[in-house]
Amino acid sequence: MGSKEIYILLKYCSEASILLPIGAGILRFKRFNTGLRILVFYVFLSALVDLISVIIIHYFKHSNAELFRAYTLIEFVLLTLYFRTLFNRKAIKGFFLIAVLVFGFIDIICTYLLQPGDEFDSYASAIEGLFMISFSLCYFYKVFTEVVIVKLEKESSFWIVSAILIYFAGNLFLFLCSDNTLVSIQEYFLKYWSIDFILNAIFNILLAIGLWITPTKLTSSS
C-alpha cells in the first residue's frame, strides 16, 4: 500500500470518527451538564463544517480557507466556555472570558494583516493551540492538587481534556509549518495531513469516551 492509499484510508477513518462523539452525545444528552452540552454543540458544528467544506471544494471548486478561518474563532470560544465550566473560582471564570476577547483580537490581526486571502490561518491556529494546551495543563494541575476525583478514568472531563491536549499539542508544530513550501510538495503534503488525520481520530475517540461517561459531579456554568 502506497503513501497515497494510506493517506486516503486515514482520511476516511478520520472523517468517520466524528460519528463516535455524535452518537455518544445524542444517546447521553439528557444526562449532561452545561459544559458537556456545549461540547456536544461543538461536535455537531465540527461535523457540519467538515460537510460544508467538502461541498465547497468538490462542487463549487472553491477554497475552504475562509470557512475554517471563521471556524477557528468559533471553536476557540466553545472550547474555552467548556473549560470555564470546569472551574469554580470566579476569578478563573473571568479569565476565560478575557481569553476569548484576547484571542478574538489576535484572530482579527492574523486574518486581515498577517495572513490575508485564501491562506490557511496557521498563525491563529497555532496560537489557539497554545491557549488550549495552557487550559488543559491548568485543568490537570487543579485535578492533581485538589485530589477531589477518586477515580480519574471515570471522570468525563479527564477524557475530554486529554483529547484536547493531545490534539492541539500534536498539531501545534503542524500549524506552525503549514505555510512552509514543503507542504506544497505532494510527498510532504500527504505525510502532513496523515498526521492530522490520526490526531483527529484519536481526538474524536477520546471525546466519545468522555461524552459516554456520566459526570460524577455537575459543574457550575455561571
N, C-alpha and C. Protein backbone atom coordinates (compact mmCIF):
# COMPACT_ATOMS: atom_id res chain seq x y z
N MET A 1 0.85 -1.20 0.00
CA MET A 1 0.00 0.00 0.00
C MET A 1 0.88 1.25 0.00
N GLY A 2 0.66 2.12 -0.99
CA GLY A 2 1.48 3.31 -1.12
C GLY A 2 1.04 4.41 -0.18
N SER A 3 1.83 5.50 -0.17
CA SER A 3 1.54 6.61 0.73
C SER A 3 0.21 7.28 0.40
N LYS A 4 -0.15 7.30 -0.89
CA LYS A 4 -1.41 7.93 -1.28
C LYS A 4 -2.60 7.10 -0.79
N GLU A 5 -2.48 5.78 -0.89
CA GLU A 5 -3.56 4.91 -0.42
C GLU A 5 -3.73 5.00 1.09
N ILE A 6 -2.58 5.06 1.80
CA ILE A 6 -2.62 5.22 3.26
C ILE A 6 -3.27 6.55 3.63
N TYR A 7 -2.92 7.58 2.88
CA TYR A 7 -3.50 8.91 3.10
C TYR A 7 -5.02 8.88 2.96
N ILE A 8 -5.51 8.24 1.91
CA ILE A 8 -6.95 8.17 1.65
C ILE A 8 -7.65 7.37 2.76
N LEU A 9 -7.03 6.25 3.17
CA LEU A 9 -7.61 5.42 4.24
C LEU A 9 -7.71 6.20 5.55
N LEU A 10 -6.63 6.89 5.91
CA LEU A 10 -6.62 7.68 7.13
C LEU A 10 -7.64 8.82 7.06
N LYS A 11 -7.78 9.39 5.88
CA LYS A 11 -8.74 10.48 5.68
C LYS A 11 -10.16 10.00 5.97
N TYR A 12 -10.53 8.85 5.40
CA TYR A 12 -11.87 8.32 5.61
C TYR A 12 -12.10 7.92 7.07
N CYS A 13 -11.09 7.33 7.68
CA CYS A 13 -11.21 6.93 9.10
C CYS A 13 -11.37 8.15 9.98
N SER A 14 -10.60 9.21 9.68
CA SER A 14 -10.67 10.45 10.45
C SER A 14 -12.06 11.08 10.32
N GLU A 15 -12.58 11.13 9.10
CA GLU A 15 -13.89 11.73 8.88
C GLU A 15 -15.00 10.91 9.54
N ALA A 16 -14.87 9.59 9.48
CA ALA A 16 -15.90 8.72 10.07
C ALA A 16 -15.87 8.75 11.60
N SER A 17 -14.71 9.06 12.18
CA SER A 17 -14.57 9.03 13.64
C SER A 17 -15.45 10.05 14.34
N ILE A 18 -15.89 11.10 13.62
CA ILE A 18 -16.75 12.11 14.24
C ILE A 18 -18.09 11.52 14.62
N LEU A 19 -18.46 10.38 14.01
CA LEU A 19 -19.73 9.74 14.33
C LEU A 19 -19.74 9.20 15.76
N LEU A 20 -18.57 8.89 16.31
CA LEU A 20 -18.50 8.35 17.67
C LEU A 20 -18.96 9.37 18.72
N PRO A 21 -18.37 10.59 18.77
CA PRO A 21 -18.87 11.57 19.75
C PRO A 21 -20.28 12.05 19.44
N ILE A 22 -20.67 12.06 18.16
CA ILE A 22 -22.04 12.44 17.81
C ILE A 22 -23.02 11.44 18.40
N GLY A 23 -22.73 10.15 18.22
CA GLY A 23 -23.60 9.11 18.77
C GLY A 23 -23.67 9.15 20.27
N ALA A 24 -22.51 9.32 20.92
CA ALA A 24 -22.48 9.39 22.39
C ALA A 24 -23.24 10.63 22.88
N GLY A 25 -23.10 11.73 22.15
CA GLY A 25 -23.78 12.95 22.54
C GLY A 25 -25.29 12.85 22.45
N ILE A 26 -25.76 12.19 21.40
CA ILE A 26 -27.20 12.02 21.22
C ILE A 26 -27.78 11.10 22.30
N LEU A 27 -27.11 9.99 22.55
CA LEU A 27 -27.64 9.00 23.49
C LEU A 27 -27.58 9.46 24.95
N ARG A 28 -26.62 10.30 25.28
CA ARG A 28 -26.44 10.71 26.68
C ARG A 28 -26.83 12.15 26.96
N PHE A 29 -27.37 12.85 25.97
CA PHE A 29 -27.56 14.29 26.09
C PHE A 29 -28.38 14.70 27.31
N LYS A 30 -29.43 13.97 27.63
CA LYS A 30 -30.31 14.34 28.75
C LYS A 30 -29.59 14.29 30.09
N ARG A 31 -28.49 13.56 30.17
CA ARG A 31 -27.76 13.41 31.43
C ARG A 31 -26.62 14.42 31.56
N PHE A 32 -26.46 15.27 30.55
CA PHE A 32 -25.30 16.16 30.52
C PHE A 32 -25.51 17.44 31.32
N ASN A 33 -24.41 17.96 31.85
CA ASN A 33 -24.42 19.28 32.46
C ASN A 33 -24.15 20.33 31.37
N THR A 34 -24.06 21.58 31.76
CA THR A 34 -23.90 22.66 30.79
C THR A 34 -22.63 22.50 29.96
N GLY A 35 -21.53 22.16 30.61
CA GLY A 35 -20.26 22.02 29.91
C GLY A 35 -20.31 20.96 28.82
N LEU A 36 -20.88 19.81 29.13
CA LEU A 36 -20.97 18.73 28.15
C LEU A 36 -21.92 19.08 27.01
N ARG A 37 -22.95 19.84 27.31
CA ARG A 37 -23.87 20.25 26.24
C ARG A 37 -23.19 21.24 25.29
N ILE A 38 -22.34 22.08 25.83
CA ILE A 38 -21.54 22.97 24.98
C ILE A 38 -20.64 22.14 24.08
N LEU A 39 -20.07 21.09 24.63
CA LEU A 39 -19.18 20.23 23.87
C LEU A 39 -19.92 19.48 22.77
N VAL A 40 -21.14 19.04 23.05
CA VAL A 40 -21.95 18.37 22.03
C VAL A 40 -22.24 19.33 20.87
N PHE A 41 -22.57 20.57 21.20
CA PHE A 41 -22.79 21.58 20.16
C PHE A 41 -21.54 21.76 19.32
N TYR A 42 -20.39 21.75 19.98
CA TYR A 42 -19.11 21.88 19.27
C TYR A 42 -18.89 20.71 18.31
N VAL A 43 -19.20 19.50 18.75
CA VAL A 43 -19.02 18.31 17.92
C VAL A 43 -19.91 18.37 16.68
N PHE A 44 -21.17 18.74 16.87
CA PHE A 44 -22.09 18.86 15.74
C PHE A 44 -21.64 19.96 14.78
N LEU A 45 -21.16 21.07 15.32
CA LEU A 45 -20.67 22.16 14.48
C LEU A 45 -19.46 21.71 13.67
N SER A 46 -18.56 20.95 14.31
CA SER A 46 -17.38 20.45 13.63
C SER A 46 -17.77 19.56 12.45
N ALA A 47 -18.74 18.68 12.68
CA ALA A 47 -19.20 17.80 11.61
C ALA A 47 -19.83 18.60 10.47
N LEU A 48 -20.60 19.61 10.83
CA LEU A 48 -21.25 20.45 9.82
C LEU A 48 -20.23 21.21 8.98
N VAL A 49 -19.21 21.75 9.63
CA VAL A 49 -18.16 22.47 8.91
C VAL A 49 -17.42 21.55 7.95
N ASP A 50 -17.13 20.33 8.40
CA ASP A 50 -16.46 19.37 7.52
C ASP A 50 -17.32 19.06 6.29
N LEU A 51 -18.63 18.91 6.50
CA LEU A 51 -19.54 18.63 5.40
C LEU A 51 -19.60 19.79 4.42
N ILE A 52 -19.71 21.00 4.94
CA ILE A 52 -19.75 22.19 4.09
C ILE A 52 -18.44 22.34 3.33
N SER A 53 -17.33 22.02 3.99
CA SER A 53 -16.02 22.09 3.35
C SER A 53 -15.93 21.18 2.14
N VAL A 54 -16.44 19.96 2.29
CA VAL A 54 -16.43 19.00 1.16
C VAL A 54 -17.27 19.54 0.00
N ILE A 55 -18.42 20.12 0.31
CA ILE A 55 -19.31 20.67 -0.72
C ILE A 55 -18.63 21.82 -1.45
N ILE A 56 -17.97 22.70 -0.68
CA ILE A 56 -17.30 23.87 -1.27
C ILE A 56 -16.19 23.43 -2.22
N ILE A 57 -15.41 22.44 -1.80
CA ILE A 57 -14.26 22.01 -2.60
C ILE A 57 -14.69 21.21 -3.84
N HIS A 58 -15.55 20.23 -3.64
CA HIS A 58 -15.88 19.30 -4.73
C HIS A 58 -16.96 19.80 -5.68
N TYR A 59 -17.88 20.61 -5.20
CA TYR A 59 -18.98 21.05 -6.05
C TYR A 59 -18.82 22.49 -6.54
N PHE A 60 -18.24 23.34 -5.70
CA PHE A 60 -18.05 24.72 -6.11
C PHE A 60 -16.62 25.04 -6.53
N LYS A 61 -15.72 24.05 -6.33
CA LYS A 61 -14.31 24.19 -6.73
C LYS A 61 -13.69 25.47 -6.15
N HIS A 62 -13.99 25.70 -4.88
CA HIS A 62 -13.51 26.93 -4.22
C HIS A 62 -12.73 26.57 -2.96
N SER A 63 -11.84 27.45 -2.56
CA SER A 63 -11.05 27.20 -1.35
C SER A 63 -11.95 27.24 -0.11
N ASN A 64 -11.62 26.39 0.86
CA ASN A 64 -12.38 26.35 2.12
C ASN A 64 -11.67 27.13 3.23
N ALA A 65 -10.66 27.91 2.86
CA ALA A 65 -9.85 28.63 3.86
C ALA A 65 -10.69 29.61 4.67
N GLU A 66 -11.58 30.34 4.02
CA GLU A 66 -12.40 31.33 4.73
C GLU A 66 -13.33 30.65 5.72
N LEU A 67 -13.85 29.49 5.35
CA LEU A 67 -14.72 28.75 6.25
C LEU A 67 -13.99 28.36 7.52
N PHE A 68 -12.77 27.84 7.36
CA PHE A 68 -12.02 27.39 8.53
C PHE A 68 -11.44 28.55 9.33
N ARG A 69 -11.28 29.70 8.71
CA ARG A 69 -10.88 30.90 9.47
C ARG A 69 -11.98 31.26 10.47
N ALA A 70 -13.23 31.25 10.01
CA ALA A 70 -14.35 31.54 10.90
C ALA A 70 -14.51 30.44 11.94
N TYR A 71 -14.29 29.21 11.52
CA TYR A 71 -14.45 28.07 12.44
C TYR A 71 -13.43 28.11 13.57
N THR A 72 -12.21 28.55 13.28
CA THR A 72 -11.17 28.61 14.31
C THR A 72 -11.61 29.46 15.49
N LEU A 73 -12.20 30.61 15.20
CA LEU A 73 -12.65 31.51 16.27
C LEU A 73 -13.81 30.89 17.04
N ILE A 74 -14.78 30.31 16.32
CA ILE A 74 -15.93 29.69 16.99
C ILE A 74 -15.49 28.51 17.83
N GLU A 75 -14.56 27.71 17.30
CA GLU A 75 -14.04 26.56 18.04
C GLU A 75 -13.38 27.02 19.34
N PHE A 76 -12.60 28.08 19.26
CA PHE A 76 -11.93 28.59 20.45
C PHE A 76 -12.94 29.02 21.50
N VAL A 77 -13.98 29.73 21.07
CA VAL A 77 -15.00 30.22 22.00
C VAL A 77 -15.69 29.05 22.70
N LEU A 78 -16.10 28.04 21.95
CA LEU A 78 -16.84 26.92 22.52
C LEU A 78 -15.97 26.10 23.48
N LEU A 79 -14.74 25.81 23.09
CA LEU A 79 -13.86 25.02 23.96
C LEU A 79 -13.48 25.81 25.21
N THR A 80 -13.31 27.12 25.06
CA THR A 80 -12.99 27.94 26.22
C THR A 80 -14.16 27.98 27.20
N LEU A 81 -15.38 28.08 26.67
CA LEU A 81 -16.56 28.05 27.53
C LEU A 81 -16.68 26.70 28.24
N TYR A 82 -16.29 25.63 27.54
CA TYR A 82 -16.30 24.32 28.21
C TYR A 82 -15.31 24.31 29.37
N PHE A 83 -14.09 24.77 29.13
CA PHE A 83 -13.09 24.82 30.20
C PHE A 83 -13.58 25.67 31.37
N ARG A 84 -14.30 26.74 31.06
CA ARG A 84 -14.81 27.65 32.10
C ARG A 84 -15.71 26.91 33.08
N THR A 85 -16.46 25.91 32.60
CA THR A 85 -17.36 25.18 33.48
C THR A 85 -16.63 24.21 34.40
N LEU A 86 -15.34 23.99 34.16
CA LEU A 86 -14.58 23.04 34.97
C LEU A 86 -13.97 23.68 36.22
N PHE A 87 -14.10 25.01 36.31
CA PHE A 87 -13.52 25.74 37.44
C PHE A 87 -14.63 26.46 38.20
N ASN A 88 -14.45 26.57 39.50
CA ASN A 88 -15.46 27.18 40.37
C ASN A 88 -15.15 28.62 40.78
N ARG A 89 -13.87 28.97 40.83
CA ARG A 89 -13.49 30.32 41.26
C ARG A 89 -13.88 31.37 40.23
N LYS A 90 -14.51 32.45 40.69
CA LYS A 90 -14.99 33.49 39.79
C LYS A 90 -13.85 34.16 39.04
N ALA A 91 -12.71 34.30 39.69
CA ALA A 91 -11.57 34.95 39.04
C ALA A 91 -11.11 34.14 37.83
N ILE A 92 -11.09 32.84 37.98
CA ILE A 92 -10.66 31.97 36.88
C ILE A 92 -11.70 31.98 35.77
N LYS A 93 -12.98 31.96 36.14
CA LYS A 93 -14.04 32.03 35.15
C LYS A 93 -13.95 33.34 34.36
N GLY A 94 -13.63 34.42 35.05
CA GLY A 94 -13.45 35.70 34.38
C GLY A 94 -12.26 35.68 33.44
N PHE A 95 -11.22 34.97 33.83
CA PHE A 95 -10.03 34.86 32.98
C PHE A 95 -10.37 34.22 31.64
N PHE A 96 -11.21 33.20 31.64
CA PHE A 96 -11.58 32.54 30.40
C PHE A 96 -12.35 33.47 29.48
N LEU A 97 -13.19 34.34 30.04
CA LEU A 97 -13.92 35.31 29.23
C LEU A 97 -12.95 36.32 28.61
N ILE A 98 -11.96 36.72 29.39
CA ILE A 98 -10.94 37.64 28.87
C ILE A 98 -10.14 36.97 27.76
N ALA A 99 -9.86 35.67 27.92
CA ALA A 99 -9.12 34.92 26.92
C ALA A 99 -9.86 34.91 25.58
N VAL A 100 -11.19 34.82 25.64
CA VAL A 100 -11.99 34.86 24.41
C VAL A 100 -11.81 36.19 23.70
N LEU A 101 -11.86 37.29 24.46
CA LEU A 101 -11.69 38.62 23.86
C LEU A 101 -10.29 38.79 23.29
N VAL A 102 -9.28 38.32 24.01
CA VAL A 102 -7.90 38.44 23.56
C VAL A 102 -7.68 37.65 22.27
N PHE A 103 -8.18 36.43 22.25
CA PHE A 103 -7.98 35.61 21.05
C PHE A 103 -8.77 36.18 19.88
N GLY A 104 -9.95 36.72 20.14
CA GLY A 104 -10.72 37.35 19.07
C GLY A 104 -9.94 38.48 18.43
N PHE A 105 -9.26 39.29 19.24
CA PHE A 105 -8.43 40.39 18.73
C PHE A 105 -7.25 39.84 17.93
N ILE A 106 -6.60 38.80 18.45
CA ILE A 106 -5.48 38.18 17.76
C ILE A 106 -5.92 37.58 16.43
N ASP A 107 -7.08 36.94 16.43
CA ASP A 107 -7.60 36.30 15.22
C ASP A 107 -7.86 37.33 14.13
N ILE A 108 -8.37 38.49 14.52
CA ILE A 108 -8.63 39.56 13.55
C ILE A 108 -7.31 40.05 12.93
N ILE A 109 -6.29 40.22 13.77
CA ILE A 109 -4.98 40.66 13.27
C ILE A 109 -4.40 39.64 12.30
N CYS A 110 -4.47 38.37 12.68
CA CYS A 110 -3.93 37.31 11.82
C CYS A 110 -4.68 37.22 10.51
N THR A 111 -6.00 37.39 10.55
CA THR A 111 -6.84 37.24 9.36
C THR A 111 -6.66 38.38 8.38
N TYR A 112 -6.57 39.61 8.88
CA TYR A 112 -6.57 40.77 8.00
C TYR A 112 -5.19 41.39 7.78
N LEU A 113 -4.22 41.07 8.63
CA LEU A 113 -2.90 41.68 8.49
C LEU A 113 -1.80 40.68 8.19
N LEU A 114 -1.75 39.60 8.93
CA LEU A 114 -0.64 38.65 8.81
C LEU A 114 -0.85 37.61 7.72
N GLN A 115 -2.06 37.08 7.61
CA GLN A 115 -2.34 36.05 6.61
C GLN A 115 -3.66 36.31 5.88
N PRO A 116 -3.73 37.39 5.13
CA PRO A 116 -4.96 37.69 4.40
C PRO A 116 -5.13 36.76 3.20
N GLY A 117 -6.32 36.75 2.63
CA GLY A 117 -6.56 35.95 1.43
C GLY A 117 -7.02 34.54 1.75
N ASP A 118 -6.66 33.61 0.87
CA ASP A 118 -7.13 32.23 0.99
C ASP A 118 -6.13 31.30 1.66
N GLU A 119 -5.15 31.86 2.37
CA GLU A 119 -4.17 31.02 3.07
C GLU A 119 -4.80 30.37 4.30
N PHE A 120 -4.26 29.23 4.66
CA PHE A 120 -4.67 28.58 5.91
C PHE A 120 -4.21 29.45 7.07
N ASP A 121 -5.10 29.66 8.06
CA ASP A 121 -4.78 30.56 9.17
C ASP A 121 -3.88 29.85 10.20
N SER A 122 -2.65 29.56 9.77
CA SER A 122 -1.73 28.79 10.61
C SER A 122 -1.34 29.53 11.88
N TYR A 123 -1.19 30.86 11.81
CA TYR A 123 -0.79 31.63 12.99
C TYR A 123 -1.89 31.59 14.06
N ALA A 124 -3.12 31.88 13.64
CA ALA A 124 -4.23 31.87 14.59
C ALA A 124 -4.44 30.47 15.15
N SER A 125 -4.30 29.44 14.31
CA SER A 125 -4.47 28.07 14.77
C SER A 125 -3.39 27.68 15.77
N ALA A 126 -2.16 28.12 15.52
CA ALA A 126 -1.06 27.82 16.44
C ALA A 126 -1.27 28.51 17.79
N ILE A 127 -1.72 29.76 17.75
CA ILE A 127 -1.99 30.50 18.99
C ILE A 127 -3.15 29.86 19.73
N GLU A 128 -4.17 29.44 18.99
CA GLU A 128 -5.29 28.72 19.61
C GLU A 128 -4.76 27.46 20.31
N GLY A 129 -3.85 26.75 19.65
CA GLY A 129 -3.27 25.56 20.23
C GLY A 129 -2.54 25.84 21.54
N LEU A 130 -1.80 26.94 21.57
CA LEU A 130 -1.08 27.31 22.80
C LEU A 130 -2.06 27.60 23.94
N PHE A 131 -3.16 28.28 23.62
CA PHE A 131 -4.19 28.54 24.63
C PHE A 131 -4.77 27.23 25.15
N MET A 132 -5.13 26.34 24.23
CA MET A 132 -5.77 25.08 24.63
C MET A 132 -4.83 24.20 25.45
N ILE A 133 -3.56 24.18 25.08
CA ILE A 133 -2.58 23.43 25.86
C ILE A 133 -2.47 24.00 27.27
N SER A 134 -2.45 25.33 27.37
CA SER A 134 -2.36 26.00 28.68
C SER A 134 -3.60 25.71 29.52
N PHE A 135 -4.78 25.79 28.90
CA PHE A 135 -6.01 25.49 29.63
C PHE A 135 -6.02 24.05 30.14
N SER A 136 -5.56 23.14 29.29
CA SER A 136 -5.54 21.71 29.66
C SER A 136 -4.60 21.47 30.83
N LEU A 137 -3.43 22.09 30.79
CA LEU A 137 -2.46 21.92 31.88
C LEU A 137 -2.99 22.53 33.18
N CYS A 138 -3.72 23.64 33.07
CA CYS A 138 -4.34 24.23 34.26
C CYS A 138 -5.36 23.28 34.86
N TYR A 139 -6.12 22.62 34.01
CA TYR A 139 -7.11 21.66 34.49
C TYR A 139 -6.43 20.51 35.23
N PHE A 140 -5.38 19.95 34.63
CA PHE A 140 -4.69 18.82 35.26
C PHE A 140 -4.00 19.24 36.56
N TYR A 141 -3.49 20.46 36.58
CA TYR A 141 -2.89 20.97 37.83
C TYR A 141 -3.95 21.04 38.92
N LYS A 142 -5.14 21.53 38.56
CA LYS A 142 -6.26 21.61 39.50
C LYS A 142 -6.64 20.22 40.00
N VAL A 143 -6.74 19.28 39.09
CA VAL A 143 -7.16 17.92 39.46
C VAL A 143 -6.16 17.26 40.41
N PHE A 144 -4.89 17.38 40.09
CA PHE A 144 -3.87 16.68 40.87
C PHE A 144 -3.52 17.39 42.18
N THR A 145 -3.82 18.67 42.29
CA THR A 145 -3.55 19.38 43.54
C THR A 145 -4.73 19.31 44.51
N GLU A 146 -5.95 19.34 43.97
CA GLU A 146 -7.13 19.29 44.84
C GLU A 146 -7.46 17.87 45.28
N VAL A 147 -7.10 16.88 44.46
CA VAL A 147 -7.34 15.46 44.76
C VAL A 147 -8.79 15.22 45.20
N VAL A 148 -9.72 15.76 44.42
CA VAL A 148 -11.14 15.59 44.70
C VAL A 148 -11.70 14.36 43.97
N ILE A 149 -11.19 14.12 42.78
CA ILE A 149 -11.67 13.00 41.96
C ILE A 149 -11.00 11.71 42.42
N VAL A 150 -11.79 10.73 42.80
CA VAL A 150 -11.25 9.46 43.29
C VAL A 150 -10.78 8.58 42.15
N LYS A 151 -11.65 8.36 41.16
CA LYS A 151 -11.30 7.53 40.01
C LYS A 151 -11.28 8.41 38.76
N LEU A 152 -10.09 8.82 38.38
CA LEU A 152 -9.93 9.77 37.29
C LEU A 152 -10.45 9.22 35.97
N GLU A 153 -10.28 7.92 35.76
CA GLU A 153 -10.71 7.32 34.49
C GLU A 153 -12.23 7.30 34.33
N LYS A 154 -12.97 7.57 35.40
CA LYS A 154 -14.42 7.60 35.33
C LYS A 154 -14.95 9.03 35.30
N GLU A 155 -14.07 9.99 35.15
CA GLU A 155 -14.45 11.39 35.08
C GLU A 155 -14.46 11.84 33.61
N SER A 156 -15.60 12.31 33.14
CA SER A 156 -15.73 12.67 31.72
C SER A 156 -14.74 13.76 31.32
N SER A 157 -14.54 14.75 32.20
CA SER A 157 -13.65 15.85 31.87
C SER A 157 -12.21 15.40 31.67
N PHE A 158 -11.80 14.33 32.34
CA PHE A 158 -10.44 13.81 32.17
C PHE A 158 -10.22 13.37 30.73
N TRP A 159 -11.15 12.62 30.17
CA TRP A 159 -11.02 12.13 28.80
C TRP A 159 -11.13 13.27 27.79
N ILE A 160 -12.02 14.20 28.05
CA ILE A 160 -12.22 15.31 27.12
C ILE A 160 -11.02 16.23 27.08
N VAL A 161 -10.52 16.60 28.25
CA VAL A 161 -9.35 17.49 28.30
C VAL A 161 -8.12 16.77 27.74
N SER A 162 -8.01 15.47 27.98
CA SER A 162 -6.90 14.69 27.41
C SER A 162 -6.97 14.74 25.88
N ALA A 163 -8.18 14.63 25.35
CA ALA A 163 -8.37 14.70 23.89
C ALA A 163 -7.91 16.05 23.36
N ILE A 164 -8.31 17.12 24.04
CA ILE A 164 -7.93 18.47 23.62
C ILE A 164 -6.42 18.66 23.69
N LEU A 165 -5.81 18.20 24.77
CA LEU A 165 -4.37 18.36 24.95
C LEU A 165 -3.59 17.60 23.87
N ILE A 166 -3.95 16.35 23.64
CA ILE A 166 -3.25 15.52 22.65
C ILE A 166 -3.39 16.11 21.25
N TYR A 167 -4.61 16.53 20.91
CA TYR A 167 -4.85 17.05 19.56
C TYR A 167 -4.09 18.34 19.30
N PHE A 168 -4.22 19.29 20.20
CA PHE A 168 -3.60 20.60 19.96
C PHE A 168 -2.09 20.57 20.15
N ALA A 169 -1.61 19.76 21.10
CA ALA A 169 -0.16 19.64 21.27
C ALA A 169 0.45 18.93 20.07
N GLY A 170 -0.23 17.90 19.57
CA GLY A 170 0.27 17.18 18.41
C GLY A 170 0.25 18.00 17.14
N ASN A 171 -0.74 18.86 17.01
CA ASN A 171 -0.89 19.66 15.80
C ASN A 171 -0.16 20.99 15.84
N LEU A 172 0.38 21.36 17.00
CA LEU A 172 1.00 22.69 17.13
C LEU A 172 2.11 22.89 16.11
N PHE A 173 3.01 21.92 15.99
CA PHE A 173 4.10 22.03 15.03
C PHE A 173 3.57 22.04 13.60
N LEU A 174 2.53 21.26 13.34
CA LEU A 174 1.95 21.22 12.00
C LEU A 174 1.36 22.57 11.63
N PHE A 175 0.69 23.22 12.59
CA PHE A 175 0.12 24.54 12.34
C PHE A 175 1.23 25.56 12.02
N LEU A 176 2.32 25.47 12.75
CA LEU A 176 3.41 26.43 12.59
C LEU A 176 4.11 26.30 11.24
N CYS A 177 4.17 25.08 10.72
CA CYS A 177 4.91 24.87 9.46
C CYS A 177 3.97 24.65 8.28
N SER A 178 2.68 24.87 8.48
CA SER A 178 1.72 24.56 7.42
C SER A 178 1.85 25.49 6.22
N ASP A 179 2.43 26.68 6.40
CA ASP A 179 2.60 27.57 5.26
C ASP A 179 3.97 27.42 4.63
N ASN A 180 4.72 26.40 5.10
CA ASN A 180 6.04 26.12 4.54
C ASN A 180 5.89 25.58 3.13
N THR A 181 6.85 25.91 2.26
CA THR A 181 6.78 25.47 0.86
C THR A 181 6.84 23.96 0.73
N LEU A 182 7.40 23.27 1.75
CA LEU A 182 7.48 21.82 1.69
C LEU A 182 6.10 21.18 1.66
N VAL A 183 5.13 21.86 2.28
CA VAL A 183 3.79 21.31 2.33
C VAL A 183 3.17 21.24 0.94
N SER A 184 3.64 22.10 0.02
CA SER A 184 3.11 22.10 -1.33
C SER A 184 3.63 20.92 -2.15
N ILE A 185 4.69 20.28 -1.68
CA ILE A 185 5.20 19.08 -2.35
C ILE A 185 4.34 17.90 -1.93
N GLN A 186 3.90 17.10 -2.89
CA GLN A 186 2.91 16.06 -2.61
C GLN A 186 3.36 15.10 -1.52
N GLU A 187 4.62 14.68 -1.54
CA GLU A 187 5.11 13.71 -0.56
C GLU A 187 4.95 14.24 0.86
N TYR A 188 5.34 15.49 1.06
CA TYR A 188 5.24 16.10 2.39
C TYR A 188 3.80 16.44 2.72
N PHE A 189 3.03 16.81 1.71
CA PHE A 189 1.61 17.12 1.91
C PHE A 189 0.87 15.91 2.47
N LEU A 190 1.12 14.74 1.88
CA LEU A 190 0.46 13.52 2.32
C LEU A 190 0.84 13.16 3.75
N LYS A 191 2.12 13.30 4.09
CA LYS A 191 2.58 12.99 5.43
C LYS A 191 2.02 14.00 6.45
N TYR A 192 1.99 15.25 6.04
CA TYR A 192 1.49 16.32 6.91
C TYR A 192 0.05 16.06 7.33
N TRP A 193 -0.82 15.84 6.34
CA TRP A 193 -2.23 15.66 6.64
C TRP A 193 -2.53 14.29 7.21
N SER A 194 -1.68 13.29 6.93
CA SER A 194 -1.87 11.97 7.53
C SER A 194 -1.73 12.05 9.05
N ILE A 195 -0.77 12.84 9.51
CA ILE A 195 -0.58 13.03 10.95
C ILE A 195 -1.81 13.71 11.55
N ASP A 196 -2.32 14.71 10.84
CA ASP A 196 -3.51 15.41 11.31
C ASP A 196 -4.72 14.47 11.38
N PHE A 197 -4.85 13.60 10.40
CA PHE A 197 -5.97 12.64 10.40
C PHE A 197 -5.89 11.71 11.60
N ILE A 198 -4.69 11.23 11.91
CA ILE A 198 -4.51 10.33 13.05
C ILE A 198 -4.86 11.05 14.36
N LEU A 199 -4.38 12.27 14.52
CA LEU A 199 -4.67 13.05 15.72
C LEU A 199 -6.16 13.34 15.84
N ASN A 200 -6.79 13.62 14.71
CA ASN A 200 -8.23 13.92 14.74
C ASN A 200 -9.04 12.69 15.14
N ALA A 201 -8.63 11.51 14.65
CA ALA A 201 -9.33 10.27 15.02
C ALA A 201 -9.19 9.99 16.51
N ILE A 202 -7.97 10.17 17.04
CA ILE A 202 -7.73 9.99 18.48
C ILE A 202 -8.57 10.98 19.28
N PHE A 203 -8.61 12.21 18.80
CA PHE A 203 -9.40 13.27 19.43
C PHE A 203 -10.86 12.88 19.55
N ASN A 204 -11.44 12.40 18.45
CA ASN A 204 -12.85 12.04 18.44
C ASN A 204 -13.15 10.81 19.30
N ILE A 205 -12.22 9.85 19.31
CA ILE A 205 -12.41 8.65 20.14
C ILE A 205 -12.43 9.02 21.62
N LEU A 206 -11.48 9.85 22.04
CA LEU A 206 -11.42 10.26 23.44
C LEU A 206 -12.63 11.13 23.82
N LEU A 207 -13.06 11.97 22.88
CA LEU A 207 -14.26 12.78 23.14
C LEU A 207 -15.48 11.87 23.34
N ALA A 208 -15.58 10.85 22.51
CA ALA A 208 -16.71 9.92 22.62
C ALA A 208 -16.71 9.21 23.98
N ILE A 209 -15.53 8.81 24.45
CA ILE A 209 -15.43 8.18 25.77
C ILE A 209 -15.87 9.15 26.85
N GLY A 210 -15.39 10.40 26.74
CA GLY A 210 -15.75 11.41 27.73
C GLY A 210 -17.23 11.71 27.75
N LEU A 211 -17.85 11.74 26.57
CA LEU A 211 -19.29 12.02 26.50
C LEU A 211 -20.12 10.82 26.97
N TRP A 212 -19.58 9.63 26.82
CA TRP A 212 -20.32 8.43 27.22
C TRP A 212 -20.33 8.26 28.73
N ILE A 213 -19.23 8.68 29.38
CA ILE A 213 -19.14 8.53 30.83
C ILE A 213 -20.00 9.59 31.52
N THR A 214 -20.83 9.16 32.44
CA THR A 214 -21.67 10.08 33.19
C THR A 214 -20.83 10.92 34.13
N PRO A 215 -20.94 12.25 34.10
CA PRO A 215 -20.15 13.08 35.01
C PRO A 215 -20.49 12.78 36.47
N THR A 216 -19.45 12.69 37.30
CA THR A 216 -19.65 12.37 38.71
C THR A 216 -20.14 13.56 39.50
N LYS A 217 -19.93 14.76 38.95
CA LYS A 217 -20.34 15.96 39.67
C LYS A 217 -20.68 17.04 38.66
N LEU A 218 -21.86 17.63 38.80
CA LEU A 218 -22.24 18.71 37.92
C LEU A 218 -21.46 19.95 38.25
N THR A 219 -20.86 20.57 37.24
CA THR A 219 -20.06 21.77 37.47
C THR A 219 -20.89 23.01 37.21
N SER A 220 -20.49 24.08 37.84
CA SER A 220 -21.22 25.34 37.69
C SER A 220 -20.98 25.92 36.32
N SER A 221 -21.95 26.58 35.77
CA SER A 221 -21.84 27.18 34.45
C SER A 221 -21.96 28.70 34.51
N SER A 222 -22.01 29.24 35.71
CA SER A 222 -22.21 30.69 35.86
C SER A 222 -20.88 31.41 35.77
